[in-house]
Amino acid sequence: MNNIIAFIITSVVIVGFLINYLIYRRIVAVAVRRFIAPYLTLQVLKIKETQFTGLFDSGDFNDRDIGLSLVPEMGKFSTSTYIYVFAGAENGQKIRFTAKIQVRFLFIIKVFLKKGKAKK
């Protein structure tokens, strides 16, 4: 009986992490396709790759608050996801941007781009 309960709890945790990961991938893909790629095209840049900044890292935005809570605080229902976007120019220069994607109930509200360091 105890083994069945432990198996069920473990399965629920694994499925929960898998669902969160798939939601994260969807949010990033939609943000890149709808917002980031058209902007970089206007700047004559092409996206090379995207990368996760880290669990508590906000990249070049230097946001200090950690957005982990079980209930919304003061009516705040939006969360922010940070990714690095590496874009290449025609001259071969690689430019890093940090994208801040604000999401409310799985819908993207705003996307901010901040230019980071250039690499050759």
PDB file of N, CA and C in Angstrom:
ATOM      1  N   MET A   1       0.820  -1.194   0.000  1.00  0.00           N
ATOM      2  CA  MET A   1       0.000   0.000   0.000  1.00  0.00           C
ATOM      3  C   MET A   1       0.867   1.262   0.000  1.00  0.00           C
ATOM      4  N   ASN A   2       1.907   1.280   0.836  1.00  0.00           N
ATOM      5  CA  ASN A   2       2.795   2.447   0.896  1.00  0.00           C
ATOM      6  C   ASN A   2       3.584   2.616  -0.402  1.00  0.00           C
ATOM      7  N   ASN A   3       3.929   1.491  -1.044  1.00  0.00           N
ATOM      8  CA  ASN A   3       4.653   1.577  -2.311  1.00  0.00           C
ATOM      9  C   ASN A   3       3.795   2.185  -3.410  1.00  0.00           C
ATOM     10  N   ILE A   4       2.507   1.880  -3.402  1.00  0.00           N
ATOM     11  CA  ILE A   4       1.602   2.432  -4.407  1.00  0.00           C
ATOM     12  C   ILE A   4       1.458   3.937  -4.226  1.00  0.00           C
ATOM     13  N   ILE A   5       1.334   4.388  -2.992  1.00  0.00           N
ATOM     14  CA  ILE A   5       1.202   5.822  -2.706  1.00  0.00           C
ATOM     15  C   ILE A   5       2.483   6.558  -3.101  1.00  0.00           C
ATOM     16  N   ALA A   6       3.638   5.978  -2.774  1.00  0.00           N
ATOM     17  CA  ALA A   6       4.911   6.598  -3.156  1.00  0.00           C
ATOM     18  C   ALA A   6       5.052   6.653  -4.676  1.00  0.00           C
ATOM     19  N   PHE A   7       4.616   5.616  -5.367  1.00  0.00           N
ATOM     20  CA  PHE A   7       4.664   5.601  -6.828  1.00  0.00           C
ATOM     21  C   PHE A   7       3.748   6.670  -7.423  1.00  0.00           C
ATOM     22  N   ILE A   8       2.559   6.808  -6.872  1.00  0.00           N
ATOM     23  CA  ILE A   8       1.614   7.813  -7.368  1.00  0.00           C
ATOM     24  C   ILE A   8       2.156   9.221  -7.147  1.00  0.00           C
ATOM     25  N   ILE A   9       2.706   9.494  -5.985  1.00  0.00           N
ATOM     26  CA  ILE A   9       3.263  10.819  -5.701  1.00  0.00           C
ATOM     27  C   ILE A   9       4.445  11.118  -6.612  1.00  0.00           C
ATOM     28  N   THR A  10       5.317  10.142  -6.796  1.00  0.00           N
ATOM     29  CA  THR A  10       6.452  10.321  -7.695  1.00  0.00           C
ATOM     30  C   THR A  10       5.990  10.560  -9.129  1.00  0.00           C
ATOM     31  N   SER A  11       4.992   9.824  -9.570  1.00  0.00           N
ATOM     32  CA  SER A  11       4.467  10.008 -10.923  1.00  0.00           C
ATOM     33  C   SER A  11       3.859  11.386 -11.108  1.00  0.00           C
ATOM     34  N   VAL A  12       3.132  11.869 -10.112  1.00  0.00           N
ATOM     35  CA  VAL A  12       2.518  13.194 -10.197  1.00  0.00           C
ATOM     36  C   VAL A  12       3.592  14.277 -10.277  1.00  0.00           C
ATOM     37  N   VAL A  13       4.657  14.148  -9.498  1.00  0.00           N
ATOM     38  CA  VAL A  13       5.743  15.136  -9.529  1.00  0.00           C
ATOM     39  C   VAL A  13       6.430  15.125 -10.892  1.00  0.00           C
ATOM     40  N   ILE A  14       6.714  13.959 -11.431  1.00  0.00           N
ATOM     41  CA  ILE A  14       7.377  13.862 -12.730  1.00  0.00           C
ATOM     42  C   ILE A  14       6.495  14.427 -13.835  1.00  0.00           C
ATOM     43  N   VAL A  15       5.215  14.108 -13.816  1.00  0.00           N
ATOM     44  CA  VAL A  15       4.292  14.635 -14.822  1.00  0.00           C
ATOM     45  C   VAL A  15       4.167  16.150 -14.683  1.00  0.00           C
ATOM     46  N   GLY A  16       4.158  16.655 -13.454  1.00  0.00           N
ATOM     47  CA  GLY A  16       4.101  18.104 -13.229  1.00  0.00           C
ATOM     48  C   GLY A  16       5.303  18.820 -13.811  1.00  0.00           C
ATOM     49  N   PHE A  17       6.499  18.281 -13.591  1.00  0.00           N
ATOM     50  CA  PHE A  17       7.705  18.880 -14.174  1.00  0.00           C
ATOM     51  C   PHE A  17       7.677  18.812 -15.693  1.00  0.00           C
ATOM     52  N   LEU A  18       7.205  17.718 -16.250  1.00  0.00           N
ATOM     53  CA  LEU A  18       7.124  17.568 -17.696  1.00  0.00           C
ATOM     54  C   LEU A  18       6.153  18.583 -18.302  1.00  0.00           C
ATOM     55  N   ILE A  19       5.012  18.776 -17.661  1.00  0.00           N
ATOM     56  CA  ILE A  19       4.036  19.757 -18.144  1.00  0.00           C
ATOM     57  C   ILE A  19       4.623  21.166 -18.075  1.00  0.00           C
ATOM     58  N   ASN A  20       5.294  21.503 -16.981  1.00  0.00           N
ATOM     59  CA  ASN A  20       5.927  22.829 -16.864  1.00  0.00           C
ATOM     60  C   ASN A  20       6.981  23.049 -17.935  1.00  0.00           C
ATOM     61  N   TYR A  21       7.764  22.027 -18.229  1.00  0.00           N
ATOM     62  CA  TYR A  21       8.790  22.141 -19.255  1.00  0.00           C
ATOM     63  C   TYR A  21       8.165  22.360 -20.631  1.00  0.00           C
ATOM     64  N   LEU A  22       7.098  21.626 -20.936  1.00  0.00           N
ATOM     65  CA  LEU A  22       6.431  21.790 -22.229  1.00  0.00           C
ATOM     66  C   LEU A  22       5.787  23.170 -22.356  1.00  0.00           C
ATOM     67  N   ILE A  23       5.236  23.681 -21.265  1.00  0.00           N
ATOM     68  CA  ILE A  23       4.662  25.033 -21.278  1.00  0.00           C
ATOM     69  C   ILE A  23       5.761  26.059 -21.519  1.00  0.00           C
ATOM     70  N   TYR A  24       6.911  25.891 -20.863  1.00  0.00           N
ATOM     71  CA  TYR A  24       8.050  26.804 -21.067  1.00  0.00           C
ATOM     72  C   TYR A  24       8.502  26.787 -22.524  1.00  0.00           C
ATOM     73  N   ARG A  25       8.630  25.597 -23.109  1.00  0.00           N
ATOM     74  CA  ARG A  25       9.065  25.495 -24.506  1.00  0.00           C
ATOM     75  C   ARG A  25       8.075  26.164 -25.453  1.00  0.00           C
ATOM     76  N   ARG A  26       6.780  26.023 -25.181  1.00  0.00           N
ATOM     77  CA  ARG A  26       5.757  26.649 -26.011  1.00  0.00           C
ATOM     78  C   ARG A  26       5.829  28.164 -25.914  1.00  0.00           C
ATOM     79  N   ILE A  27       5.975  28.686 -24.704  1.00  0.00           N
ATOM     80  CA  ILE A  27       6.042  30.135 -24.503  1.00  0.00           C
ATOM     81  C   ILE A  27       7.253  30.715 -25.234  1.00  0.00           C
ATOM     82  N   VAL A  28       8.402  30.067 -25.110  1.00  0.00           N
ATOM     83  CA  VAL A  28       9.614  30.557 -25.770  1.00  0.00           C
ATOM     84  C   VAL A  28       9.460  30.492 -27.287  1.00  0.00           C
ATOM     85  N   ALA A  29       8.911  29.405 -27.799  1.00  0.00           N
ATOM     86  CA  ALA A  29       8.751  29.263 -29.256  1.00  0.00           C
ATOM     87  C   ALA A  29       7.809  30.326 -29.818  1.00  0.00           C
ATOM     88  N   VAL A  30       6.712  30.585 -29.129  1.00  0.00           N
ATOM     89  CA  VAL A  30       5.757  31.593 -29.597  1.00  0.00           C
ATOM     90  C   VAL A  30       6.376  32.985 -29.526  1.00  0.00           C
ATOM     91  N   ALA A  31       7.097  33.281 -28.442  1.00  0.00           N
ATOM     92  CA  ALA A  31       7.726  34.598 -28.300  1.00  0.00           C
ATOM     93  C   ALA A  31       8.775  34.823 -29.378  1.00  0.00           C
ATOM     94  N   VAL A  32       9.567  33.808 -29.680  1.00  0.00           N
ATOM     95  CA  VAL A  32      10.588  33.947 -30.719  1.00  0.00           C
ATOM     96  C   VAL A  32       9.934  34.134 -32.084  1.00  0.00           C
ATOM     97  N   ARG A  33       8.904  33.354 -32.378  1.00  0.00           N
ATOM     98  CA  ARG A  33       8.267  33.417 -33.687  1.00  0.00           C
ATOM     99  C   ARG A  33       7.478  34.712 -33.900  1.00  0.00           C
ATOM    100  N   ARG A  34       6.732  35.162 -32.900  1.00  0.00           N
ATOM    101  CA  ARG A  34       5.843  36.318 -33.092  1.00  0.00           C
ATOM    102  C   ARG A  34       6.491  37.669 -32.798  1.00  0.00           C
ATOM    103  N   PHE A  35       7.418  37.718 -31.856  1.00  0.00           N
ATOM    104  CA  PHE A  35       7.923  39.004 -31.406  1.00  0.00           C
ATOM    105  C   PHE A  35       9.408  39.225 -31.703  1.00  0.00           C
ATOM    106  N   ILE A  36      10.243  38.267 -31.347  1.00  0.00           N
ATOM    107  CA  ILE A  36      11.686  38.483 -31.406  1.00  0.00           C
ATOM    108  C   ILE A  36      12.214  38.383 -32.837  1.00  0.00           C
ATOM    109  N   ALA A  37      11.825  37.348 -33.572  1.00  0.00           N
ATOM    110  CA  ALA A  37      12.324  37.169 -34.943  1.00  0.00           C
ATOM    111  C   ALA A  37      11.944  38.331 -35.861  1.00  0.00           C
ATOM    112  N   PRO A  38      10.696  38.837 -35.864  1.00  0.00           N
ATOM    113  CA  PRO A  38      10.400  39.986 -36.727  1.00  0.00           C
ATOM    114  C   PRO A  38      11.198  41.239 -36.366  1.00  0.00           C
ATOM    115  N   TYR A  39      11.416  41.461 -35.061  1.00  0.00           N
ATOM    116  CA  TYR A  39      12.201  42.632 -34.660  1.00  0.00           C
ATOM    117  C   TYR A  39      13.640  42.512 -35.130  1.00  0.00           C
ATOM    118  N   LEU A  40      14.231  41.342 -34.937  1.00  0.00           N
ATOM    119  CA  LEU A  40      15.627  41.164 -35.362  1.00  0.00           C
ATOM    120  C   LEU A  40      15.758  41.205 -36.876  1.00  0.00           C
ATOM    121  N   THR A  41      14.735  40.794 -37.597  1.00  0.00           N
ATOM    122  CA  THR A  41      14.755  40.895 -39.061  1.00  0.00           C
ATOM    123  C   THR A  41      14.791  42.362 -39.489  1.00  0.00           C
ATOM    124  N   LEU A  42      14.046  43.200 -38.790  1.00  0.00           N
ATOM    125  CA  LEU A  42      14.085  44.637 -39.096  1.00  0.00           C
ATOM    126  C   LEU A  42      15.458  45.239 -38.812  1.00  0.00           C
ATOM    127  N   GLN A  43      16.185  44.668 -37.863  1.00  0.00           N
ATOM    128  CA  GLN A  43      17.523  45.145 -37.518  1.00  0.00           C
ATOM    129  C   GLN A  43      18.605  44.470 -38.358  1.00  0.00           C
ATOM    130  N   VAL A  44      18.220  43.701 -39.365  1.00  0.00           N
ATOM    131  CA  VAL A  44      19.107  42.961 -40.276  1.00  0.00           C
ATOM    132  C   VAL A  44      19.981  41.979 -39.483  1.00  0.00           C
ATOM    133  N   LEU A  45      19.337  41.227 -38.601  1.00  0.00           N
ATOM    134  CA  LEU A  45      19.993  40.192 -37.816  1.00  0.00           C
ATOM    135  C   LEU A  45      19.221  38.891 -37.976  1.00  0.00           C
ATOM    136  N   LYS A  46      19.911  37.770 -37.802  1.00  0.00           N
ATOM    137  CA  LYS A  46      19.277  36.462 -37.862  1.00  0.00           C
ATOM    138  C   LYS A  46      19.509  35.749 -36.545  1.00  0.00           C
ATOM    139  N   ILE A  47      18.483  35.066 -36.066  1.00  0.00           N
ATOM    140  CA  ILE A  47      18.600  34.317 -34.814  1.00  0.00           C
ATOM    141  C   ILE A  47      19.441  33.073 -35.055  1.00  0.00           C
ATOM    142  N   LYS A  48      20.467  32.905 -34.233  1.00  0.00           N
ATOM    143  CA  LYS A  48      21.310  31.713 -34.310  1.00  0.00           C
ATOM    144  C   LYS A  48      20.814  30.644 -33.342  1.00  0.00           C
ATOM    145  N   GLU A  49      20.539  31.048 -32.080  1.00  0.00           N
ATOM    146  CA  GLU A  49      20.070  30.093 -31.077  1.00  0.00           C
ATOM    147  C   GLU A  49      19.467  30.846 -29.902  1.00  0.00           C
ATOM    148  N   THR A  50      18.720  30.120 -29.091  1.00  0.00           N
ATOM    149  CA  THR A  50      18.211  30.649 -27.832  1.00  0.00           C
ATOM    150  C   THR A  50      18.717  29.741 -26.719  1.00  0.00           C
ATOM    151  N   GLN A  51      18.815  30.313 -25.529  1.00  0.00           N
ATOM    152  CA  GLN A  51      19.363  29.556 -24.412  1.00  0.00           C
ATOM    153  C   GLN A  51      18.691  30.000 -23.127  1.00  0.00           C
ATOM    154  N   PHE A  52      18.443  29.076 -22.216  1.00  0.00           N
ATOM    155  CA  PHE A  52      17.858  29.359 -20.911  1.00  0.00           C
ATOM    156  C   PHE A  52      18.886  30.099 -20.056  1.00  0.00           C
ATOM    157  N   THR A  53      18.475  31.180 -19.405  1.00  0.00           N
ATOM    158  CA  THR A  53      19.429  31.955 -18.610  1.00  0.00           C
ATOM    159  C   THR A  53      19.806  31.268 -17.317  1.00  0.00           C
ATOM    160  N   GLY A  54      18.925  30.506 -16.762  1.00  0.00           N
ATOM    161  CA  GLY A  54      19.135  29.868 -15.475  1.00  0.00           C
ATOM    162  C   GLY A  54      17.886  30.057 -14.633  1.00  0.00           C
ATOM    163  N   LEU A  55      17.762  29.271 -13.597  1.00  0.00           N
ATOM    164  CA  LEU A  55      16.528  29.291 -12.819  1.00  0.00           C
ATOM    165  C   LEU A  55      16.309  30.622 -12.106  1.00  0.00           C
ATOM    166  N   PHE A  56      17.339  31.177 -11.498  1.00  0.00           N
ATOM    167  CA  PHE A  56      17.190  32.431 -10.755  1.00  0.00           C
ATOM    168  C   PHE A  56      17.938  33.589 -11.403  1.00  0.00           C
ATOM    169  N   ASP A  57      18.376  33.433 -12.639  1.00  0.00           N
ATOM    170  CA  ASP A  57      19.137  34.457 -13.333  1.00  0.00           C
ATOM    171  C   ASP A  57      18.222  35.226 -14.279  1.00  0.00           C
ATOM    172  N   SER A  58      18.318  36.558 -14.237  1.00  0.00           N
ATOM    173  CA  SER A  58      17.499  37.386 -15.124  1.00  0.00           C
ATOM    174  C   SER A  58      18.328  37.993 -16.245  1.00  0.00           C
ATOM    175  N   GLY A  59      19.505  37.461 -16.489  1.00  0.00           N
ATOM    176  CA  GLY A  59      20.328  37.928 -17.600  1.00  0.00           C
ATOM    177  C   GLY A  59      20.789  39.361 -17.417  1.00  0.00           C
ATOM    178  N   ASP A  60      20.630  40.172 -18.453  1.00  0.00           N
ATOM    179  CA  ASP A  60      21.078  41.564 -18.429  1.00  0.00           C
ATOM    180  C   ASP A  60      20.069  42.507 -17.780  1.00  0.00           C
ATOM    181  N   PHE A  61      18.918  42.000 -17.368  1.00  0.00           N
ATOM    182  CA  PHE A  61      17.905  42.859 -16.761  1.00  0.00           C
ATOM    183  C   PHE A  61      18.193  43.149 -15.291  1.00  0.00           C
ATOM    184  N   ASN A  62      18.949  42.281 -14.622  1.00  0.00           N
ATOM    185  CA  ASN A  62      19.328  42.454 -13.219  1.00  0.00           C
ATOM    186  C   ASN A  62      18.124  42.643 -12.309  1.00  0.00           C
ATOM    187  N   ASP A  63      17.051  41.901 -12.568  1.00  0.00           N
ATOM    188  CA  ASP A  63      15.898  41.917 -11.671  1.00  0.00           C
ATOM    189  C   ASP A  63      16.258  41.122 -10.428  1.00  0.00           C
ATOM    190  N   ARG A  64      15.984  41.687  -9.279  1.00  0.00           N
ATOM    191  CA  ARG A  64      16.379  41.054  -8.023  1.00  0.00           C
ATOM    192  C   ARG A  64      15.301  40.153  -7.431  1.00  0.00           C
ATOM    193  N   ASP A  65      14.051  40.375  -7.783  1.00  0.00           N
ATOM    194  CA  ASP A  65      12.986  39.605  -7.149  1.00  0.00           C
ATOM    195  C   ASP A  65      12.896  38.202  -7.738  1.00  0.00           C
ATOM    196  N   ILE A  66      12.571  37.258  -6.880  1.00  0.00           N
ATOM    197  CA  ILE A  66      12.402  35.866  -7.288  1.00  0.00           C
ATOM    198  C   ILE A  66      10.903  35.609  -7.351  1.00  0.00           C
ATOM    199  N   GLY A  67      10.424  35.181  -8.489  1.00  0.00           N
ATOM    200  CA  GLY A  67       8.997  35.032  -8.708  1.00  0.00           C
ATOM    201  C   GLY A  67       8.443  33.671  -8.366  1.00  0.00           C
ATOM    202  N   LEU A  68       8.839  33.095  -7.242  1.00  0.00           N
ATOM    203  CA  LEU A  68       8.319  31.801  -6.853  1.00  0.00           C
ATOM    204  C   LEU A  68       7.382  31.966  -5.663  1.00  0.00           C
ATOM    205  N   SER A  69       6.118  31.708  -5.865  1.00  0.00           N
ATOM    206  CA  SER A  69       5.161  31.727  -4.772  1.00  0.00           C
ATOM    207  C   SER A  69       4.000  30.820  -5.127  1.00  0.00           C
ATOM    208  N   LEU A  70       3.330  30.329  -4.107  1.00  0.00           N
ATOM    209  CA  LEU A  70       2.217  29.414  -4.341  1.00  0.00           C
ATOM    210  C   LEU A  70       0.940  30.159  -4.709  1.00  0.00           C
ATOM    211  N   VAL A  71       0.797  31.374  -4.196  1.00  0.00           N
ATOM    212  CA  VAL A  71      -0.378  32.187  -4.497  1.00  0.00           C
ATOM    213  C   VAL A  71       0.082  33.516  -5.068  1.00  0.00           C
ATOM    214  N   PRO A  72      -0.734  34.164  -5.906  1.00  0.00           N
ATOM    215  CA  PRO A  72      -0.340  35.458  -6.456  1.00  0.00           C
ATOM    216  C   PRO A  72      -0.245  36.513  -5.368  1.00  0.00           C
ATOM    217  N   GLU A  73       0.752  37.349  -5.471  1.00  0.00           N
ATOM    218  CA  GLU A  73       1.023  38.362  -4.462  1.00  0.00           C
ATOM    219  C   GLU A  73       0.455  39.701  -4.926  1.00  0.00           C
ATOM    220  N   MET A  74      -0.432  40.288  -4.141  1.00  0.00           N
ATOM    221  CA  MET A  74      -1.020  41.594  -4.428  1.00  0.00           C
ATOM    222  C   MET A  74      -1.679  41.617  -5.809  1.00  0.00           C
ATOM    223  N   GLY A  75      -2.340  40.540  -6.206  1.00  0.00           N
ATOM    224  CA  GLY A  75      -3.028  40.488  -7.487  1.00  0.00           C
ATOM    225  C   GLY A  75      -2.128  40.314  -8.685  1.00  0.00           C
ATOM    226  N   LYS A  76      -0.854  39.987  -8.462  1.00  0.00           N
ATOM    227  CA  LYS A  76       0.104  39.828  -9.560  1.00  0.00           C
ATOM    228  C   LYS A  76      -0.010  38.415 -10.126  1.00  0.00           C
ATOM    229  N   PHE A  77      -0.624  38.309 -11.291  1.00  0.00           N
ATOM    230  CA  PHE A  77      -0.810  37.011 -11.924  1.00  0.00           C
ATOM    231  C   PHE A  77       0.152  36.772 -13.070  1.00  0.00           C
ATOM    232  N   SER A  78       1.069  37.678 -13.317  1.00  0.00           N
ATOM    233  CA  SER A  78       1.987  37.494 -14.435  1.00  0.00           C
ATOM    234  C   SER A  78       3.345  37.024 -13.925  1.00  0.00           C
ATOM    235  N   THR A  79       3.994  36.222 -14.731  1.00  0.00           N
ATOM    236  CA  THR A  79       5.339  35.757 -14.420  1.00  0.00           C
ATOM    237  C   THR A  79       6.261  36.147 -15.565  1.00  0.00           C
ATOM    238  N   SER A  80       7.537  36.185 -15.287  1.00  0.00           N
ATOM    239  CA  SER A  80       8.525  36.541 -16.303  1.00  0.00           C
ATOM    240  C   SER A  80       9.448  35.365 -16.560  1.00  0.00           C
ATOM    241  N   THR A  81       9.722  35.129 -17.826  1.00  0.00           N
ATOM    242  CA  THR A  81      10.659  34.111 -18.260  1.00  0.00           C
ATOM    243  C   THR A  81      11.790  34.811 -19.003  1.00  0.00           C
ATOM    244  N   TYR A  82      13.021  34.440 -18.703  1.00  0.00           N
ATOM    245  CA  TYR A  82      14.185  35.071 -19.315  1.00  0.00           C
ATOM    246  C   TYR A  82      14.912  34.062 -20.186  1.00  0.00           C
ATOM    247  N   ILE A  83      15.302  34.504 -21.382  1.00  0.00           N
ATOM    248  CA  ILE A  83      16.115  33.665 -22.265  1.00  0.00           C
ATOM    249  C   ILE A  83      17.192  34.529 -22.909  1.00  0.00           C
ATOM    250  N   TYR A  84      18.288  33.881 -23.275  1.00  0.00           N
ATOM    251  CA  TYR A  84      19.303  34.535 -24.083  1.00  0.00           C
ATOM    252  C   TYR A  84      18.985  34.246 -25.551  1.00  0.00           C
ATOM    253  N   VAL A  85      19.083  35.271 -26.381  1.00  0.00           N
ATOM    254  CA  VAL A  85      18.891  35.131 -27.821  1.00  0.00           C
ATOM    255  C   VAL A  85      20.201  35.534 -28.474  1.00  0.00           C
ATOM    256  N   PHE A  86      20.797  34.615 -29.200  1.00  0.00           N
ATOM    257  CA  PHE A  86      22.036  34.896 -29.909  1.00  0.00           C
ATOM    258  C   PHE A  86      21.704  35.148 -31.370  1.00  0.00           C
ATOM    259  N   ALA A  87      22.069  36.337 -31.846  1.00  0.00           N
ATOM    260  CA  ALA A  87      21.782  36.732 -33.229  1.00  0.00           C
ATOM    261  C   ALA A  87      23.090  37.029 -33.938  1.00  0.00           C
ATOM    262  N   GLY A  88      23.089  36.789 -35.225  1.00  0.00           N
ATOM    263  CA  GLY A  88      24.286  37.034 -36.021  1.00  0.00           C
ATOM    264  C   GLY A  88      24.050  38.113 -37.051  1.00  0.00           C
ATOM    265  N   ALA A  89      25.045  38.969 -37.216  1.00  0.00           N
ATOM    266  CA  ALA A  89      24.996  40.012 -38.236  1.00  0.00           C
ATOM    267  C   ALA A  89      25.648  39.478 -39.517  1.00  0.00           C
ATOM    268  N   GLU A  90      25.539  40.265 -40.572  1.00  0.00           N
ATOM    269  CA  GLU A  90      26.114  39.843 -41.853  1.00  0.00           C
ATOM    270  C   GLU A  90      27.637  39.799 -41.824  1.00  0.00           C
ATOM    271  N   ASN A  91      28.252  40.601 -40.965  1.00  0.00           N
ATOM    272  CA  ASN A  91      29.709  40.622 -40.889  1.00  0.00           C
ATOM    273  C   ASN A  91      30.269  39.502 -40.010  1.00  0.00           C
ATOM    274  N   GLY A  92      29.419  38.620 -39.508  1.00  0.00           N
ATOM    275  CA  GLY A  92      29.871  37.495 -38.700  1.00  0.00           C
ATOM    276  C   GLY A  92      29.890  37.762 -37.215  1.00  0.00           C
ATOM    277  N   GLN A  93      29.523  38.949 -36.795  1.00  0.00           N
ATOM    278  CA  GLN A  93      29.517  39.287 -35.375  1.00  0.00           C
ATOM    279  C   GLN A  93      28.316  38.630 -34.705  1.00  0.00           C
ATOM    280  N   LYS A  94      28.550  38.045 -33.526  1.00  0.00           N
ATOM    281  CA  LYS A  94      27.491  37.384 -32.774  1.00  0.00           C
ATOM    282  C   LYS A  94      27.087  38.294 -31.616  1.00  0.00           C
ATOM    283  N   ILE A  95      25.809  38.640 -31.547  1.00  0.00           N
ATOM    284  CA  ILE A  95      25.313  39.567 -30.537  1.00  0.00           C
ATOM    285  C   ILE A  95      24.351  38.813 -29.631  1.00  0.00           C
ATOM    286  N   ARG A  96      24.518  39.018 -28.329  1.00  0.00           N
ATOM    287  CA  ARG A  96      23.629  38.371 -27.357  1.00  0.00           C
ATOM    288  C   ARG A  96      22.597  39.372 -26.860  1.00  0.00           C
ATOM    289  N   PHE A  97      21.350  38.973 -26.890  1.00  0.00           N
ATOM    290  CA  PHE A  97      20.260  39.733 -26.309  1.00  0.00           C
ATOM    291  C   PHE A  97      19.680  38.922 -25.162  1.00  0.00           C
ATOM    292  N   THR A  98      19.124  39.601 -24.186  1.00  0.00           N
ATOM    293  CA  THR A  98      18.337  38.936 -23.160  1.00  0.00           C
ATOM    294  C   THR A  98      16.887  39.312 -23.389  1.00  0.00           C
ATOM    295  N   ALA A  99      16.032  38.320 -23.473  1.00  0.00           N
ATOM    296  CA  ALA A  99      14.606  38.558 -23.674  1.00  0.00           C
ATOM    297  C   ALA A  99      13.878  38.288 -22.370  1.00  0.00           C
ATOM    298  N   LYS A 100      13.040  39.235 -21.981  1.00  0.00           N
ATOM    299  CA  LYS A 100      12.183  39.085 -20.811  1.00  0.00           C
ATOM    300  C   LYS A 100      10.770  38.904 -21.341  1.00  0.00           C
ATOM    301  N   ILE A 101      10.201  37.738 -21.117  1.00  0.00           N
ATOM    302  CA  ILE A 101       8.873  37.406 -21.632  1.00  0.00           C
ATOM    303  C   ILE A 101       7.910  37.410 -20.453  1.00  0.00           C
ATOM    304  N   GLN A 102       6.968  38.344 -20.453  1.00  0.00           N
ATOM    305  CA  GLN A 102       5.965  38.402 -19.395  1.00  0.00           C
ATOM    306  C   GLN A 102       4.735  37.633 -19.840  1.00  0.00           C
ATOM    307  N   VAL A 103       4.311  36.709 -18.994  1.00  0.00           N
ATOM    308  CA  VAL A 103       3.236  35.793 -19.336  1.00  0.00           C
ATOM    309  C   VAL A 103       2.148  35.876 -18.264  1.00  0.00           C
ATOM    310  N   ARG A 104       0.895  35.872 -18.726  1.00  0.00           N
ATOM    311  CA  ARG A 104      -0.244  35.801 -17.817  1.00  0.00           C
ATOM    312  C   ARG A 104      -1.165  34.695 -18.311  1.00  0.00           C
ATOM    313  N   PHE A 105      -1.349  33.675 -17.489  1.00  0.00           N
ATOM    314  CA  PHE A 105      -2.216  32.538 -17.819  1.00  0.00           C
ATOM    315  C   PHE A 105      -1.873  31.936 -19.180  1.00  0.00           C
ATOM    316  N   LEU A 106      -0.629  31.660 -19.435  1.00  0.00           N
ATOM    317  CA  LEU A 106      -0.112  31.046 -20.654  1.00  0.00           C
ATOM    318  C   LEU A 106      -0.191  31.941 -21.887  1.00  0.00           C
ATOM    319  N   PHE A 107      -0.556  33.199 -21.726  1.00  0.00           N
ATOM    320  CA  PHE A 107      -0.596  34.149 -22.831  1.00  0.00           C
ATOM    321  C   PHE A 107       0.507  35.180 -22.645  1.00  0.00           C
ATOM    322  N   ILE A 108       1.221  35.465 -23.712  1.00  0.00           N
ATOM    323  CA  ILE A 108       2.327  36.412 -23.655  1.00  0.00           C
ATOM    324  C   ILE A 108       1.765  37.830 -23.640  1.00  0.00           C
ATOM    325  N   ILE A 109       2.155  38.614 -22.641  1.00  0.00           N
ATOM    326  CA  ILE A 109       1.694  39.990 -22.509  1.00  0.00           C
ATOM    327  C   ILE A 109       2.684  40.948 -23.167  1.00  0.00           C
ATOM    328  N   LYS A 110       3.959  40.856 -22.763  1.00  0.00           N
ATOM    329  CA  LYS A 110       4.995  41.749 -23.276  1.00  0.00           C
ATOM    330  C   LYS A 110       6.290  40.969 -23.456  1.00  0.00           C
ATOM    331  N   VAL A 111       7.091  41.432 -24.395  1.00  0.00           N
ATOM    332  CA  VAL A 111       8.433  40.885 -24.596  1.00  0.00           C
ATOM    333  C   VAL A 111       9.398  42.060 -24.663  1.00  0.00           C
ATOM    334  N   PHE A 112      10.411  42.035 -23.806  1.00  0.00           N
ATOM    335  CA  PHE A 112      11.436  43.064 -23.782  1.00  0.00           C
ATOM    336  C   PHE A 112      12.756  42.452 -24.232  1.00  0.00           C
ATOM    337  N   LEU A 113      13.522  43.199 -25.023  1.00  0.00           N
ATOM    338  CA  LEU A 113      14.854  42.771 -25.440  1.00  0.00           C
ATOM    339  C   LEU A 113      15.876  43.751 -24.905  1.00  0.00           C
ATOM    340  N   LYS A 114      16.943  43.238 -24.347  1.00  0.00           N
ATOM    341  CA  LYS A 114      18.028  44.080 -23.887  1.00  0.00           C
ATOM    342  C   LYS A 114      19.321  43.544 -24.467  1.00  0.00           C
ATOM    343  N   LYS A 115      20.080  44.431 -25.092  1.00  0.00           N
ATOM    344  CA  LYS A 115      21.304  44.004 -25.764  1.00  0.00           C
ATOM    345  C   LYS A 115      22.375  43.699 -24.741  1.00  0.00           C
ATOM    346  N   GLY A 116      23.050  42.587 -24.973  1.00  0.00           N
ATOM    347  CA  GLY A 116      24.119  42.153 -24.080  1.00  0.00           C
ATOM    348  C   GLY A 116      25.481  42.371 -24.718  1.00  0.00           C
ATOM    349  N   LYS A 117      26.363  41.443 -24.493  1.00  0.00           N
ATOM    350  CA  LYS A 117      27.726  41.552 -24.988  1.00  0.00           C
ATOM    351  C   LYS A 117      27.855  40.998 -26.399  1.00  0.00           C
ATOM    352  N   ALA A 118      28.712  41.597 -27.170  1.00  0.00           N
ATOM    353  CA  ALA A 118      28.967  41.133 -28.551  1.00  0.00           C
ATOM    354  C   ALA A 118      30.132  40.156 -28.529  1.00  0.00           C
ATOM    355  N   LYS A 119      30.057  39.136 -29.382  1.00  0.00           N
ATOM    356  CA  LYS A 119      31.132  38.142 -29.497  1.00  0.00           C
ATOM    357  C   LYS A 119      31.531  38.035 -30.962  1.00  0.00           C
ATOM    358  N   LYS A 120      32.802  37.753 -31.202  1.00  0.00           N
ATOM    359  CA  LYS A 120      33.260  37.585 -32.586  1.00  0.00           C
ATOM    360  C   LYS A 120      33.430  36.132 -32.913  1.00  0.00           C
TER     361      LYS A 120
END
